[in-house]
Amino acid sequence: MSTQAPIRRVTVPQIARRKGGEPIVSLTSYHAHTAAIVDEVADFILVGDSLGMVMHGMESTLGVSLDLMIMHGRAVVRGTKKALIVVDLPFGSYEESPAEAFRNAARIMKETGCGAVKLEGGRRMAETVRFLTERGIPVMAHIGLTPQSTNVMGGFRTQGRDEESWPLHEEDARAVAEAGAFAIVLEGMVEPLARRITGQVAVPTIGIGASAACDGQVLVLEDMLGLNPWTPKFVKVYGQLGAMIKQAVEEYAAEVRSRAFPGEDNVYR
């Protein structure tokens, strides 16, 4: 009989209580095998709609469907045991009405087994955040540079460079926090503004291209591993897996062509 205590997932209240405490660690993941690796160190794993660009070669996140998010969300949940799993609501699945958002968020949670959903938008989405949280769906909010709104923003533009715009971002943060969001992603935001917002709201802030003063950080896994040919300024590349994979594939191809592979150790007798 095993005496080991069962592994319990990190919960939404545990993340919420980390405000001002030990920084929260997060990375994206879209499939089971990388999720299993990230699970050993992350407090929460984000199944972001960035998977459309990273995994499927889309030019933006706008083409990502609800079914695609559910498929990848299932894989990540299967590959993990400890981290809280947060799944993005894709573009077009929540903006029309709070009721529509609830139907789609509930479907994601039921069909993936994730612990929370994330949606983009500040004041304009506060009513939806409140509607969802009052009905048992934990919501992580996302303000600043919101990739689903790049057509309106005119591209991926850093937010808050004009100090006159700061009150609008601060109002966005307060609105979603007061509506019940348990954490807020601050993306592509000038450092002083992100630091200021972190000090103003009672829930944890998760920075991506924001500030070290945020209560946690998240990066796209493939970016920080050097798997993408171009990365934004805010990404620190911790590994060069792209170059390693290229070298390994080239060595494999050369050995196949020279009949060095499979060798004696790779065949059955």
Protein backbone atom coordinates (compact mmCIF):
# COMPACT_ATOMS: atom_id res chain seq x y z
CA MET A 1 0.00 0.00 0.00
CA SER A 2 1.46 3.35 -1.06
CA THR A 3 2.20 5.89 1.66
CA GLN A 4 2.79 8.74 -0.80
CA ALA A 5 0.28 11.57 -0.64
CA PRO A 6 -1.64 12.06 -3.89
CA ILE A 7 -0.49 14.94 -6.08
CA ARG A 8 -3.04 17.74 -5.98
CA ARG A 9 -3.41 20.39 -8.64
CA VAL A 10 -2.80 24.02 -7.87
CA THR A 11 -6.17 25.70 -7.43
CA VAL A 12 -7.53 29.10 -8.43
CA PRO A 13 -7.71 30.29 -4.78
CA GLN A 14 -4.07 29.28 -4.29
CA ILE A 15 -3.04 31.43 -7.25
CA ALA A 16 -5.18 34.33 -6.02
CA ARG A 17 -3.53 34.17 -2.59
CA ARG A 18 -0.08 34.62 -4.14
CA LYS A 19 -0.66 38.37 -4.55
CA GLY A 20 2.46 40.10 -3.29
CA GLY A 21 4.09 36.80 -2.36
CA GLU A 22 6.41 34.36 -4.12
CA PRO A 23 6.30 35.11 -7.87
CA ILE A 24 3.96 32.91 -9.91
CA VAL A 25 5.63 30.84 -12.65
CA SER A 26 3.78 30.14 -15.88
CA LEU A 27 4.50 29.00 -19.44
CA THR A 28 2.31 28.10 -22.36
CA SER A 29 1.95 24.52 -23.55
CA TYR A 30 -0.13 22.98 -26.31
CA HIS A 31 0.60 19.25 -26.15
CA ALA A 32 1.00 16.51 -23.57
CA HIS A 33 4.74 15.84 -23.72
CA THR A 34 5.90 19.45 -23.23
CA ALA A 35 3.14 19.99 -20.66
CA ALA A 36 4.54 17.11 -18.59
CA ILE A 37 7.94 18.83 -18.50
CA VAL A 38 6.53 22.26 -17.67
CA ASP A 39 4.24 20.73 -15.03
CA GLU A 40 7.22 20.02 -12.80
CA VAL A 41 7.96 23.73 -12.28
CA ALA A 42 4.92 25.82 -13.29
CA ASP A 43 2.19 27.06 -10.98
CA PHE A 44 -0.19 27.33 -13.91
CA ILE A 45 0.05 26.37 -17.58
CA LEU A 46 -1.65 28.53 -20.16
CA VAL A 47 -3.12 26.83 -23.22
CA GLY A 48 -3.03 30.06 -25.19
CA ASP A 49 -4.67 30.79 -28.51
CA SER A 50 -1.12 31.63 -29.60
CA LEU A 51 -1.15 27.94 -30.58
CA GLY A 52 -2.72 29.08 -33.85
CA MET A 53 0.51 30.84 -34.78
CA VAL A 54 3.00 28.57 -33.01
CA MET A 55 1.52 25.17 -33.86
CA HIS A 56 -0.60 25.78 -36.95
CA GLY A 57 1.23 28.51 -38.87
CA MET A 58 -1.57 31.08 -38.72
CA GLU A 59 -0.72 34.75 -39.17
CA SER A 60 -2.69 35.73 -36.05
CA THR A 61 -4.81 34.19 -33.32
CA LEU A 62 -8.09 35.17 -35.01
CA GLY A 63 -8.49 31.89 -36.91
CA VAL A 64 -8.36 29.71 -33.81
CA SER A 65 -11.59 27.80 -33.18
CA LEU A 66 -13.22 26.60 -29.98
CA ASP A 67 -12.72 22.98 -31.09
CA LEU A 68 -9.00 23.60 -31.61
CA MET A 69 -8.64 25.06 -28.10
CA ILE A 70 -10.49 22.08 -26.64
CA MET A 71 -8.32 19.57 -28.50
CA HIS A 72 -5.08 21.13 -27.25
CA GLY A 73 -6.53 21.75 -23.77
CA ARG A 74 -7.35 18.05 -23.42
CA ALA A 75 -3.81 17.09 -24.38
CA VAL A 76 -2.28 19.43 -21.80
CA VAL A 77 -4.57 18.23 -19.03
CA ARG A 78 -3.72 14.61 -19.87
CA GLY A 79 -0.01 15.34 -19.68
CA THR A 80 -0.09 17.10 -16.29
CA LYS A 81 -0.80 16.38 -12.65
CA LYS A 82 0.11 19.46 -10.64
CA ALA A 83 -0.27 22.81 -12.40
CA LEU A 84 -3.52 24.72 -12.75
CA ILE A 85 -4.52 24.60 -16.43
CA VAL A 86 -5.96 27.80 -17.93
CA VAL A 87 -7.43 27.70 -21.44
CA ASP A 88 -7.98 30.74 -23.66
CA LEU A 89 -11.43 31.59 -24.97
CA PRO A 90 -10.75 32.14 -28.69
CA PHE A 91 -11.84 35.16 -30.71
CA GLY A 92 -15.57 35.16 -31.46
CA SER A 93 -16.50 32.76 -28.66
CA TYR A 94 -17.33 35.23 -25.87
CA GLU A 95 -17.71 38.80 -27.14
CA GLU A 96 -21.35 38.68 -28.29
CA SER A 97 -22.93 38.24 -24.88
CA PRO A 98 -22.24 36.93 -21.37
CA ALA A 99 -24.58 34.02 -22.08
CA GLU A 100 -22.58 33.01 -25.16
CA ALA A 101 -19.37 33.31 -23.15
CA PHE A 102 -20.81 31.06 -20.44
CA ARG A 103 -21.87 28.36 -22.92
CA ASN A 104 -18.46 28.24 -24.55
CA ALA A 105 -16.47 28.54 -21.32
CA ALA A 106 -18.54 25.77 -19.73
CA ARG A 107 -17.91 23.57 -22.77
CA ILE A 108 -14.16 24.15 -22.54
CA MET A 109 -14.09 23.28 -18.85
CA LYS A 110 -16.26 20.19 -19.22
CA GLU A 111 -14.49 18.80 -22.27
CA THR A 112 -10.89 19.52 -21.21
CA GLY A 113 -10.96 19.26 -17.42
CA CYS A 114 -9.13 22.59 -17.10
CA GLY A 115 -9.40 24.74 -13.99
CA ALA A 116 -10.05 28.19 -15.49
CA VAL A 117 -10.45 30.16 -18.70
CA LYS A 118 -8.83 33.37 -19.90
CA LEU A 119 -10.40 36.15 -21.94
CA GLU A 120 -9.14 39.42 -23.36
CA GLY A 121 -10.53 42.86 -22.54
CA GLY A 122 -10.90 45.29 -19.66
CA ARG A 123 -13.93 47.45 -18.89
CA ARG A 124 -15.86 46.21 -21.92
CA MET A 125 -15.61 42.61 -20.66
CA ALA A 126 -16.20 43.28 -16.96
CA GLU A 127 -19.89 42.33 -17.18
CA THR A 128 -18.93 39.02 -18.82
CA VAL A 129 -16.26 38.32 -16.21
CA ARG A 130 -18.83 38.87 -13.46
CA PHE A 131 -21.43 36.71 -15.25
CA LEU A 132 -18.98 33.81 -15.57
CA THR A 133 -17.53 33.95 -12.07
CA GLU A 134 -20.98 34.15 -10.48
CA ARG A 135 -21.81 30.91 -12.29
CA GLY A 136 -18.76 28.96 -11.18
CA ILE A 137 -16.27 29.61 -14.00
CA PRO A 138 -12.95 31.06 -12.80
CA VAL A 139 -11.69 33.79 -15.13
CA MET A 140 -8.20 35.11 -15.75
CA ALA A 141 -8.39 38.51 -17.46
CA HIS A 142 -5.98 39.88 -20.07
CA ILE A 143 -5.38 43.59 -20.73
CA GLY A 144 -2.79 45.81 -22.43
CA LEU A 145 -1.71 44.40 -25.76
CA THR A 146 -4.56 42.03 -26.59
CA PRO A 147 -3.65 39.97 -29.69
CA GLN A 148 -7.28 39.30 -30.64
CA SER A 149 -7.71 43.08 -31.08
CA THR A 150 -4.64 43.73 -33.26
CA ASN A 151 -6.79 44.78 -36.23
CA VAL A 152 -8.26 47.56 -34.10
CA MET A 153 -4.90 48.43 -32.51
CA GLY A 154 -3.13 48.50 -35.86
CA GLY A 155 -0.76 45.67 -35.05
CA PHE A 156 1.20 44.41 -32.06
CA ARG A 157 1.86 47.77 -30.41
CA THR A 158 3.31 48.33 -26.96
CA GLN A 159 0.68 49.87 -24.70
CA GLY A 160 1.13 52.86 -22.39
CA ARG A 161 3.90 54.73 -24.24
CA ASP A 162 1.68 57.81 -23.96
CA GLU A 163 1.28 58.51 -20.26
CA GLU A 164 -2.09 60.14 -20.94
CA SER A 165 -3.45 56.65 -21.73
CA TRP A 166 -2.46 55.20 -18.37
CA PRO A 167 -5.77 55.95 -16.61
CA LEU A 168 -7.64 53.89 -19.23
CA HIS A 169 -5.42 50.85 -18.62
CA GLU A 170 -5.69 51.31 -14.87
CA GLU A 171 -9.46 51.47 -15.17
CA ASP A 172 -9.43 48.28 -17.25
CA ALA A 173 -7.48 46.48 -14.52
CA ARG A 174 -9.72 47.68 -11.71
CA ALA A 175 -12.88 46.81 -13.64
CA VAL A 176 -11.99 43.15 -14.26
CA ALA A 177 -10.55 42.71 -10.77
CA GLU A 178 -13.71 44.07 -9.17
CA ALA A 179 -15.82 41.89 -11.50
CA GLY A 180 -14.19 38.76 -10.06
CA ALA A 181 -11.14 37.90 -12.20
CA PHE A 182 -8.70 35.92 -10.02
CA ALA A 183 -5.64 37.22 -11.93
CA ILE A 184 -4.83 39.61 -14.77
CA VAL A 185 -2.34 39.14 -17.60
CA LEU A 186 -0.57 42.41 -18.47
CA GLU A 187 0.88 42.09 -21.97
CA GLY A 188 3.08 44.41 -24.03
CA MET A 189 2.87 47.24 -21.51
CA VAL A 190 5.50 49.81 -20.54
CA GLU A 191 7.22 48.86 -17.29
CA PRO A 192 6.17 51.82 -15.12
CA LEU A 193 2.51 51.33 -15.99
CA ALA A 194 2.60 47.57 -15.30
CA ARG A 195 4.32 48.23 -11.97
CA ARG A 196 1.70 50.84 -11.11
CA ILE A 197 -1.25 48.58 -11.98
CA THR A 198 0.25 45.74 -9.94
CA GLY A 199 0.25 48.03 -6.92
CA GLN A 200 -3.34 49.12 -7.48
CA VAL A 201 -5.25 45.84 -7.87
CA ALA A 202 -5.93 43.23 -5.20
CA VAL A 203 -5.42 40.24 -7.53
CA PRO A 204 -2.15 38.89 -8.96
CA THR A 205 -0.82 40.35 -12.19
CA ILE A 206 0.97 38.08 -14.67
CA GLY A 207 3.45 39.90 -16.87
CA ILE A 208 4.43 39.16 -20.45
CA GLY A 209 6.44 42.05 -21.80
CA ALA A 210 5.51 44.09 -18.72
CA SER A 211 7.43 44.36 -15.43
CA ALA A 212 9.43 42.25 -12.98
CA ALA A 213 7.21 43.88 -10.34
CA CYS A 214 4.24 41.82 -11.57
CA ASP A 215 3.13 39.01 -9.29
CA GLY A 216 4.15 36.42 -11.89
CA GLN A 217 5.43 35.91 -15.40
CA VAL A 218 4.36 33.91 -18.46
CA LEU A 219 6.15 33.25 -21.75
CA VAL A 220 5.39 31.21 -24.84
CA LEU A 221 7.41 28.00 -24.36
CA GLU A 222 8.57 27.82 -27.97
CA ASP A 223 9.86 31.40 -27.79
CA MET A 224 12.00 30.91 -24.69
CA LEU A 225 13.38 27.62 -26.07
CA GLY A 226 14.62 29.21 -29.28
CA LEU A 227 12.24 27.32 -31.54
CA ASN A 228 10.96 30.41 -33.33
CA PRO A 229 13.18 32.30 -35.78
CA TRP A 230 12.09 35.67 -34.34
CA THR A 231 11.18 36.60 -30.80
CA PRO A 232 9.91 39.86 -29.28
CA LYS A 233 12.23 42.04 -27.18
CA PHE A 234 10.56 40.92 -23.96
CA VAL A 235 11.49 37.25 -24.48
CA LYS A 236 14.69 35.90 -22.96
CA VAL A 237 15.82 32.82 -24.89
CA TYR A 238 16.87 30.16 -22.39
CA GLY A 239 17.73 27.46 -24.93
CA GLN A 240 18.55 27.01 -28.61
CA LEU A 241 16.44 23.97 -29.42
CA GLY A 242 15.78 25.13 -32.96
CA ALA A 243 19.48 24.84 -33.86
CA MET A 244 19.78 21.52 -31.99
CA ILE A 245 16.81 20.03 -33.83
CA LYS A 246 18.18 21.22 -37.18
CA GLN A 247 21.55 19.60 -36.48
CA ALA A 248 19.96 16.34 -35.34
CA VAL A 249 17.71 16.13 -38.42
CA GLU A 250 20.67 16.81 -40.74
CA GLU A 251 22.75 14.06 -39.06
CA TYR A 252 19.84 11.62 -39.36
CA ALA A 253 19.36 12.39 -43.05
CA ALA A 254 23.09 11.94 -43.75
CA GLU A 255 23.18 8.57 -41.99
CA VAL A 256 20.12 7.31 -43.82
CA ARG A 257 21.63 8.27 -47.16
CA SER A 258 24.96 6.63 -46.31
CA ARG A 259 23.19 3.53 -44.89
CA ALA A 260 24.89 4.08 -41.53
CA PHE A 261 21.42 4.07 -39.96
CA PRO A 262 19.95 1.75 -38.87
CA GLY A 263 23.10 0.24 -37.39
CA GLU A 264 23.65 -3.07 -35.68
CA ASP A 265 22.19 -1.70 -32.42
CA ASN A 266 18.99 -0.61 -34.18
CA VAL A 267 17.87 -3.86 -35.80
CA TYR A 268 16.47 -7.15 -34.50
CA ARG A 269 18.30 -10.46 -34.90
